[in-house]
Amino acid sequence: MNEIHDTPTVLPDLARAAWRKSTRSQTSNCVEVAPLPATVALRDSKDRGGPVLLFDRGEWRNFLAAAKEGRLDRI
């Protein structure tokens, strides 16, 4: 039988993160990104105290490549 072991998760210190928003942002419908030592954090610019998504660097690079190639464009 397979066993699932809980591994303790160490969350980064987001209070000291250097958050940035795109210079192309013209409205309040934006996200902010903070590069961290092992991950990349993403949050809603309107809810800075709200939830944060964490991506490992490989996932983040794949996301950016897909966006640049238009694979995430809506039809």
PDB file of N, CA and C in Angstrom:
ATOM      1  N   MET A   1       0.845  -1.183   0.000  1.00  0.00           N
ATOM      2  CA  MET A   1       0.000   0.000   0.000  1.00  0.00           C
ATOM      3  C   MET A   1       0.889   1.245   0.000  1.00  0.00           C
ATOM      4  N   ASN A   2       0.493   2.231  -0.749  1.00  0.00           N
ATOM      5  CA  ASN A   2       1.238   3.495  -0.788  1.00  0.00           C
ATOM      6  C   ASN A   2       0.942   4.312   0.451  1.00  0.00           C
ATOM      7  N   GLU A   3       1.974   4.952   0.937  1.00  0.00           N
ATOM      8  CA  GLU A   3       1.816   5.818   2.094  1.00  0.00           C
ATOM      9  C   GLU A   3       2.088   7.252   1.693  1.00  0.00           C
ATOM     10  N   ILE A   4       1.347   8.140   2.261  1.00  0.00           N
ATOM     11  CA  ILE A   4       1.553   9.567   2.029  1.00  0.00           C
ATOM     12  C   ILE A   4       2.168  10.150   3.285  1.00  0.00           C
ATOM     13  N   HIS A   5       3.306  10.770   3.128  1.00  0.00           N
ATOM     14  CA  HIS A   5       3.983  11.400   4.258  1.00  0.00           C
ATOM     15  C   HIS A   5       3.897  12.903   4.111  1.00  0.00           C
ATOM     16  N   ASP A   6       3.464  13.547   5.154  1.00  0.00           N
ATOM     17  CA  ASP A   6       3.413  15.007   5.136  1.00  0.00           C
ATOM     18  C   ASP A   6       4.823  15.548   5.325  1.00  0.00           C
ATOM     19  N   THR A   7       5.226  16.388   4.398  1.00  0.00           N
ATOM     20  CA  THR A   7       6.525  17.026   4.491  1.00  0.00           C
ATOM     21  C   THR A   7       6.308  18.451   4.954  1.00  0.00           C
ATOM     22  N   PRO A   8       7.015  18.904   5.975  1.00  0.00           N
ATOM     23  CA  PRO A   8       6.824  20.286   6.414  1.00  0.00           C
ATOM     24  C   PRO A   8       7.182  21.259   5.301  1.00  0.00           C
ATOM     25  N   THR A   9       6.348  22.250   5.125  1.00  0.00           N
ATOM     26  CA  THR A   9       6.571  23.264   4.104  1.00  0.00           C
ATOM     27  C   THR A   9       7.116  24.518   4.758  1.00  0.00           C
ATOM     28  N   VAL A  10       8.196  25.023   4.223  1.00  0.00           N
ATOM     29  CA  VAL A  10       8.766  26.265   4.720  1.00  0.00           C
ATOM     30  C   VAL A  10       8.324  27.370   3.775  1.00  0.00           C
ATOM     31  N   LEU A  11       7.526  28.275   4.286  1.00  0.00           N
ATOM     32  CA  LEU A  11       7.026  29.368   3.455  1.00  0.00           C
ATOM     33  C   LEU A  11       8.027  30.520   3.461  1.00  0.00           C
ATOM     34  N   PRO A  12       8.178  31.157   2.313  1.00  0.00           N
ATOM     35  CA  PRO A  12       9.112  32.289   2.247  1.00  0.00           C
ATOM     36  C   PRO A  12       8.584  33.487   3.025  1.00  0.00           C
ATOM     37  N   ASP A  13       9.488  34.370   3.406  1.00  0.00           N
ATOM     38  CA  ASP A  13       9.120  35.604   4.095  1.00  0.00           C
ATOM     39  C   ASP A  13       8.652  36.610   3.052  1.00  0.00           C
ATOM     40  N   LEU A  14       7.346  36.721   2.898  1.00  0.00           N
ATOM     41  CA  LEU A  14       6.784  37.597   1.866  1.00  0.00           C
ATOM     42  C   LEU A  14       6.756  39.061   2.283  1.00  0.00           C
ATOM     43  N   ALA A  15       6.925  39.337   3.573  1.00  0.00           N
ATOM     44  CA  ALA A  15       6.920  40.722   4.045  1.00  0.00           C
ATOM     45  C   ALA A  15       8.100  41.505   3.475  1.00  0.00           C
ATOM     46  N   ARG A  16       9.185  40.814   3.187  1.00  0.00           N
ATOM     47  CA  ARG A  16      10.374  41.477   2.649  1.00  0.00           C
ATOM     48  C   ARG A  16      10.530  41.297   1.142  1.00  0.00           C
ATOM     49  N   ALA A  17       9.545  40.687   0.521  1.00  0.00           N
ATOM     50  CA  ALA A  17       9.618  40.432  -0.923  1.00  0.00           C
ATOM     51  C   ALA A  17       9.574  41.743  -1.701  1.00  0.00           C
ATOM     52  N   ALA A  18      10.300  41.786  -2.803  1.00  0.00           N
ATOM     53  CA  ALA A  18      10.312  42.959  -3.681  1.00  0.00           C
ATOM     54  C   ALA A  18       9.248  42.754  -4.760  1.00  0.00           C
ATOM     55  N   TRP A  19       8.021  43.184  -4.464  1.00  0.00           N
ATOM     56  CA  TRP A  19       6.903  43.010  -5.390  1.00  0.00           C
ATOM     57  C   TRP A  19       7.001  44.022  -6.519  1.00  0.00           C
ATOM     58  N   ARG A  20       6.622  43.596  -7.723  1.00  0.00           N
ATOM     59  CA  ARG A  20       6.602  44.530  -8.853  1.00  0.00           C
ATOM     60  C   ARG A  20       5.403  44.234  -9.741  1.00  0.00           C
ATOM     61  N   LYS A  21       4.961  45.291 -10.395  1.00  0.00           N
ATOM     62  CA  LYS A  21       3.809  45.215 -11.299  1.00  0.00           C
ATOM     63  C   LYS A  21       4.289  45.656 -12.671  1.00  0.00           C
ATOM     64  N   SER A  22       3.695  45.127 -13.710  1.00  0.00           N
ATOM     65  CA  SER A  22       4.092  45.471 -15.073  1.00  0.00           C
ATOM     66  C   SER A  22       3.976  46.976 -15.308  1.00  0.00           C
ATOM     67  N   THR A  23       4.930  47.520 -16.025  1.00  0.00           N
ATOM     68  CA  THR A  23       4.859  48.939 -16.386  1.00  0.00           C
ATOM     69  C   THR A  23       3.745  49.190 -17.396  1.00  0.00           C
ATOM     70  N   ARG A  24       3.261  48.143 -18.020  1.00  0.00           N
ATOM     71  CA  ARG A  24       2.152  48.275 -18.974  1.00  0.00           C
ATOM     72  C   ARG A  24       0.797  48.295 -18.289  1.00  0.00           C
ATOM     73  N   SER A  25       0.775  48.096 -17.008  1.00  0.00           N
ATOM     74  CA  SER A  25      -0.462  48.058 -16.245  1.00  0.00           C
ATOM     75  C   SER A  25      -1.095  49.450 -16.227  1.00  0.00           C
ATOM     76  N   GLN A  26      -2.319  49.532 -16.674  1.00  0.00           N
ATOM     77  CA  GLN A  26      -3.033  50.805 -16.707  1.00  0.00           C
ATOM     78  C   GLN A  26      -4.266  50.810 -15.810  1.00  0.00           C
ATOM     79  N   THR A  27      -4.672  49.638 -15.337  1.00  0.00           N
ATOM     80  CA  THR A  27      -5.883  49.550 -14.517  1.00  0.00           C
ATOM     81  C   THR A  27      -5.541  48.873 -13.192  1.00  0.00           C
ATOM     82  N   SER A  28      -6.559  48.670 -12.395  1.00  0.00           N
ATOM     83  CA  SER A  28      -6.346  48.002 -11.111  1.00  0.00           C
ATOM     84  C   SER A  28      -6.458  46.481 -11.235  1.00  0.00           C
ATOM     85  N   ASN A  29      -6.695  45.982 -12.441  1.00  0.00           N
ATOM     86  CA  ASN A  29      -6.811  44.539 -12.658  1.00  0.00           C
ATOM     87  C   ASN A  29      -5.448  43.946 -12.964  1.00  0.00           C
ATOM     88  N   CYS A  30      -4.565  43.953 -11.984  1.00  0.00           N
ATOM     89  CA  CYS A  30      -3.200  43.521 -12.213  1.00  0.00           C
ATOM     90  C   CYS A  30      -2.756  42.516 -11.172  1.00  0.00           C
ATOM     91  N   VAL A  31      -1.673  41.872 -11.490  1.00  0.00           N
ATOM     92  CA  VAL A  31      -1.017  41.009 -10.525  1.00  0.00           C
ATOM     93  C   VAL A  31       0.378  41.557 -10.269  1.00  0.00           C
ATOM     94  N   GLU A  32       0.928  41.182  -9.139  1.00  0.00           N
ATOM     95  CA  GLU A  32       2.293  41.568  -8.794  1.00  0.00           C
ATOM     96  C   GLU A  32       3.120  40.303  -8.641  1.00  0.00           C
ATOM     97  N   VAL A  33       4.377  40.400  -9.010  1.00  0.00           N
ATOM     98  CA  VAL A  33       5.286  39.266  -8.972  1.00  0.00           C
ATOM     99  C   VAL A  33       6.459  39.617  -8.069  1.00  0.00           C
ATOM    100  N   ALA A  34       6.913  38.614  -7.308  1.00  0.00           N
ATOM    101  CA  ALA A  34       8.090  38.801  -6.470  1.00  0.00           C
ATOM    102  C   ALA A  34       9.016  37.601  -6.660  1.00  0.00           C
ATOM    103  N   PRO A  35      10.190  37.827  -7.243  1.00  0.00           N
ATOM    104  CA  PRO A  35      11.146  36.725  -7.339  1.00  0.00           C
ATOM    105  C   PRO A  35      11.749  36.452  -5.961  1.00  0.00           C
ATOM    106  N   LEU A  36      11.746  35.204  -5.560  1.00  0.00           N
ATOM    107  CA  LEU A  36      12.289  34.773  -4.279  1.00  0.00           C
ATOM    108  C   LEU A  36      13.444  33.810  -4.538  1.00  0.00           C
ATOM    109  N   PRO A  37      14.221  33.460  -3.531  1.00  0.00           N
ATOM    110  CA  PRO A  37      15.382  32.591  -3.770  1.00  0.00           C
ATOM    111  C   PRO A  37      15.059  31.280  -4.489  1.00  0.00           C
ATOM    112  N   ALA A  38      13.999  30.587  -4.090  1.00  0.00           N
ATOM    113  CA  ALA A  38      13.709  29.283  -4.696  1.00  0.00           C
ATOM    114  C   ALA A  38      12.418  29.266  -5.502  1.00  0.00           C
ATOM    115  N   THR A  39      11.627  30.310  -5.388  1.00  0.00           N
ATOM    116  CA  THR A  39      10.315  30.328  -6.029  1.00  0.00           C
ATOM    117  C   THR A  39      10.022  31.708  -6.604  1.00  0.00           C
ATOM    118  N   VAL A  40       8.855  31.809  -7.234  1.00  0.00           N
ATOM    119  CA  VAL A  40       8.327  33.096  -7.695  1.00  0.00           C
ATOM    120  C   VAL A  40       6.930  33.217  -7.088  1.00  0.00           C
ATOM    121  N   ALA A  41       6.654  34.355  -6.459  1.00  0.00           N
ATOM    122  CA  ALA A  41       5.357  34.583  -5.815  1.00  0.00           C
ATOM    123  C   ALA A  41       4.503  35.487  -6.697  1.00  0.00           C
ATOM    124  N   LEU A  42       3.197  35.247  -6.679  1.00  0.00           N
ATOM    125  CA  LEU A  42       2.256  36.006  -7.494  1.00  0.00           C
ATOM    126  C   LEU A  42       1.059  36.360  -6.618  1.00  0.00           C
ATOM    127  N   ARG A  43       0.614  37.621  -6.675  1.00  0.00           N
ATOM    128  CA  ARG A  43      -0.550  38.043  -5.884  1.00  0.00           C
ATOM    129  C   ARG A  43      -1.362  39.063  -6.659  1.00  0.00           C
ATOM    130  N   ASP A  44      -2.585  39.282  -6.216  1.00  0.00           N
ATOM    131  CA  ASP A  44      -3.491  40.274  -6.788  1.00  0.00           C
ATOM    132  C   ASP A  44      -3.090  41.640  -6.248  1.00  0.00           C
ATOM    133  N   SER A  45      -2.878  42.604  -7.125  1.00  0.00           N
ATOM    134  CA  SER A  45      -2.434  43.928  -6.681  1.00  0.00           C
ATOM    135  C   SER A  45      -3.499  44.660  -5.870  1.00  0.00           C
ATOM    136  N   LYS A  46      -4.757  44.271  -6.019  1.00  0.00           N
ATOM    137  CA  LYS A  46      -5.830  44.912  -5.259  1.00  0.00           C
ATOM    138  C   LYS A  46      -5.983  44.319  -3.862  1.00  0.00           C
ATOM    139  N   ASP A  47      -5.398  43.151  -3.625  1.00  0.00           N
ATOM    140  CA  ASP A  47      -5.545  42.452  -2.351  1.00  0.00           C
ATOM    141  C   ASP A  47      -4.171  42.006  -1.872  1.00  0.00           C
ATOM    142  N   ARG A  48      -3.343  42.963  -1.523  1.00  0.00           N
ATOM    143  CA  ARG A  48      -1.949  42.667  -1.179  1.00  0.00           C
ATOM    144  C   ARG A  48      -1.795  41.805   0.064  1.00  0.00           C
ATOM    145  N   GLY A  49      -2.789  41.768   0.909  1.00  0.00           N
ATOM    146  CA  GLY A  49      -2.738  40.908   2.083  1.00  0.00           C
ATOM    147  C   GLY A  49      -3.419  39.569   1.863  1.00  0.00           C
ATOM    148  N   GLY A  50      -3.904  39.358   0.652  1.00  0.00           N
ATOM    149  CA  GLY A  50      -4.640  38.139   0.333  1.00  0.00           C
ATOM    150  C   GLY A  50      -3.735  36.977  -0.028  1.00  0.00           C
ATOM    151  N   PRO A  51      -4.318  35.984  -0.677  1.00  0.00           N
ATOM    152  CA  PRO A  51      -3.562  34.776  -1.000  1.00  0.00           C
ATOM    153  C   PRO A  51      -2.428  35.040  -1.988  1.00  0.00           C
ATOM    154  N   VAL A  52      -1.413  34.203  -1.905  1.00  0.00           N
ATOM    155  CA  VAL A  52      -0.243  34.286  -2.773  1.00  0.00           C
ATOM    156  C   VAL A  52      -0.029  32.921  -3.406  1.00  0.00           C
ATOM    157  N   LEU A  53       0.200  32.901  -4.700  1.00  0.00           N
ATOM    158  CA  LEU A  53       0.548  31.662  -5.388  1.00  0.00           C
ATOM    159  C   LEU A  53       2.058  31.574  -5.484  1.00  0.00           C
ATOM    160  N   LEU A  54       2.602  30.386  -5.238  1.00  0.00           N
ATOM    161  CA  LEU A  54       4.039  30.166  -5.334  1.00  0.00           C
ATOM    162  C   LEU A  54       4.326  29.181  -6.460  1.00  0.00           C
ATOM    163  N   PHE A  55       5.275  29.519  -7.304  1.00  0.00           N
ATOM    164  CA  PHE A  55       5.673  28.676  -8.424  1.00  0.00           C
ATOM    165  C   PHE A  55       7.162  28.390  -8.307  1.00  0.00           C
ATOM    166  N   ASP A  56       7.561  27.141  -8.606  1.00  0.00           N
ATOM    167  CA  ASP A  56       9.006  26.941  -8.668  1.00  0.00           C
ATOM    168  C   ASP A  56       9.489  27.591  -9.964  1.00  0.00           C
ATOM    169  N   ARG A  57      10.758  27.821 -10.061  1.00  0.00           N
ATOM    170  CA  ARG A  57      11.298  28.598 -11.187  1.00  0.00           C
ATOM    171  C   ARG A  57      11.036  27.936 -12.540  1.00  0.00           C
ATOM    172  N   GLY A  58      11.067  26.613 -12.595  1.00  0.00           N
ATOM    173  CA  GLY A  58      10.778  25.905 -13.848  1.00  0.00           C
ATOM    174  C   GLY A  58       9.345  26.114 -14.290  1.00  0.00           C
ATOM    175  N   GLU A  59       8.404  26.031 -13.341  1.00  0.00           N
ATOM    176  CA  GLU A  59       6.992  26.269 -13.658  1.00  0.00           C
ATOM    177  C   GLU A  59       6.794  27.694 -14.159  1.00  0.00           C
ATOM    178  N   TRP A  60       7.459  28.653 -13.525  1.00  0.00           N
ATOM    179  CA  TRP A  60       7.323  30.054 -13.913  1.00  0.00           C
ATOM    180  C   TRP A  60       7.860  30.286 -15.330  1.00  0.00           C
ATOM    181  N   ARG A  61       9.026  29.692 -15.633  1.00  0.00           N
ATOM    182  CA  ARG A  61       9.586  29.830 -16.990  1.00  0.00           C
ATOM    183  C   ARG A  61       8.648  29.231 -18.027  1.00  0.00           C
ATOM    184  N   ASN A  62       8.050  28.075 -17.721  1.00  0.00           N
ATOM    185  CA  ASN A  62       7.106  27.454 -18.654  1.00  0.00           C
ATOM    186  C   ASN A  62       5.884  28.328 -18.864  1.00  0.00           C
ATOM    187  N   PHE A  63       5.380  28.927 -17.799  1.00  0.00           N
ATOM    188  CA  PHE A  63       4.230  29.823 -17.914  1.00  0.00           C
ATOM    189  C   PHE A  63       4.560  31.024 -18.799  1.00  0.00           C
ATOM    190  N   LEU A  64       5.704  31.664 -18.560  1.00  0.00           N
ATOM    191  CA  LEU A  64       6.087  32.827 -19.359  1.00  0.00           C
ATOM    192  C   LEU A  64       6.275  32.457 -20.822  1.00  0.00           C
ATOM    193  N   ALA A  65       6.886  31.307 -21.091  1.00  0.00           N
ATOM    194  CA  ALA A  65       7.088  30.872 -22.477  1.00  0.00           C
ATOM    195  C   ALA A  65       5.743  30.642 -23.163  1.00  0.00           C
ATOM    196  N   ALA A  66       4.810  29.997 -22.469  1.00  0.00           N
ATOM    197  CA  ALA A  66       3.483  29.754 -23.049  1.00  0.00           C
ATOM    198  C   ALA A  66       2.757  31.063 -23.329  1.00  0.00           C
ATOM    199  N   ALA A  67       2.859  32.028 -22.422  1.00  0.00           N
ATOM    200  CA  ALA A  67       2.217  33.329 -22.622  1.00  0.00           C
ATOM    201  C   ALA A  67       2.818  34.058 -23.816  1.00  0.00           C
ATOM    202  N   LYS A  68       4.145  34.060 -23.928  1.00  0.00           N
ATOM    203  CA  LYS A  68       4.813  34.749 -25.023  1.00  0.00           C
ATOM    204  C   LYS A  68       4.501  34.117 -26.371  1.00  0.00           C
ATOM    205  N   GLU A  69       4.306  32.803 -26.379  1.00  0.00           N
ATOM    206  CA  GLU A  69       3.997  32.096 -27.621  1.00  0.00           C
ATOM    207  C   GLU A  69       2.507  32.164 -27.977  1.00  0.00           C
ATOM    208  N   GLY A  70       1.695  32.758 -27.128  1.00  0.00           N
ATOM    209  CA  GLY A  70       0.269  32.895 -27.402  1.00  0.00           C
ATOM    210  C   GLY A  70      -0.545  31.666 -27.075  1.00  0.00           C
ATOM    211  N   ARG A  71       0.042  30.692 -26.404  1.00  0.00           N
ATOM    212  CA  ARG A  71      -0.689  29.459 -26.088  1.00  0.00           C
ATOM    213  C   ARG A  71      -1.738  29.663 -25.011  1.00  0.00           C
ATOM    214  N   LEU A  72      -1.736  30.814 -24.353  1.00  0.00           N
ATOM    215  CA  LEU A  72      -2.719  31.087 -23.305  1.00  0.00           C
ATOM    216  C   LEU A  72      -3.748  32.116 -23.741  1.00  0.00           C
ATOM    217  N   ASP A  73      -3.663  32.570 -24.988  1.00  0.00           N
ATOM    218  CA  ASP A  73      -4.613  33.561 -25.493  1.00  0.00           C
ATOM    219  C   ASP A  73      -6.012  32.976 -25.555  1.00  0.00           C
ATOM    220  N   ARG A  74      -6.978  33.791 -25.238  1.00  0.00           N
ATOM    221  CA  ARG A  74      -8.380  33.383 -25.328  1.00  0.00           C
ATOM    222  C   ARG A  74      -8.869  33.593 -26.739  1.00  0.00           C
ATOM    223  N   ILE A  75      -9.717  32.729 -27.166  1.00  0.00           N
ATOM    224  CA  ILE A  75     -10.276  32.831 -28.531  1.00  0.00           C
ATOM    225  C   ILE A  75     -11.603  33.544 -28.481  1.00  0.00           C
TER     226      ILE A  75
END
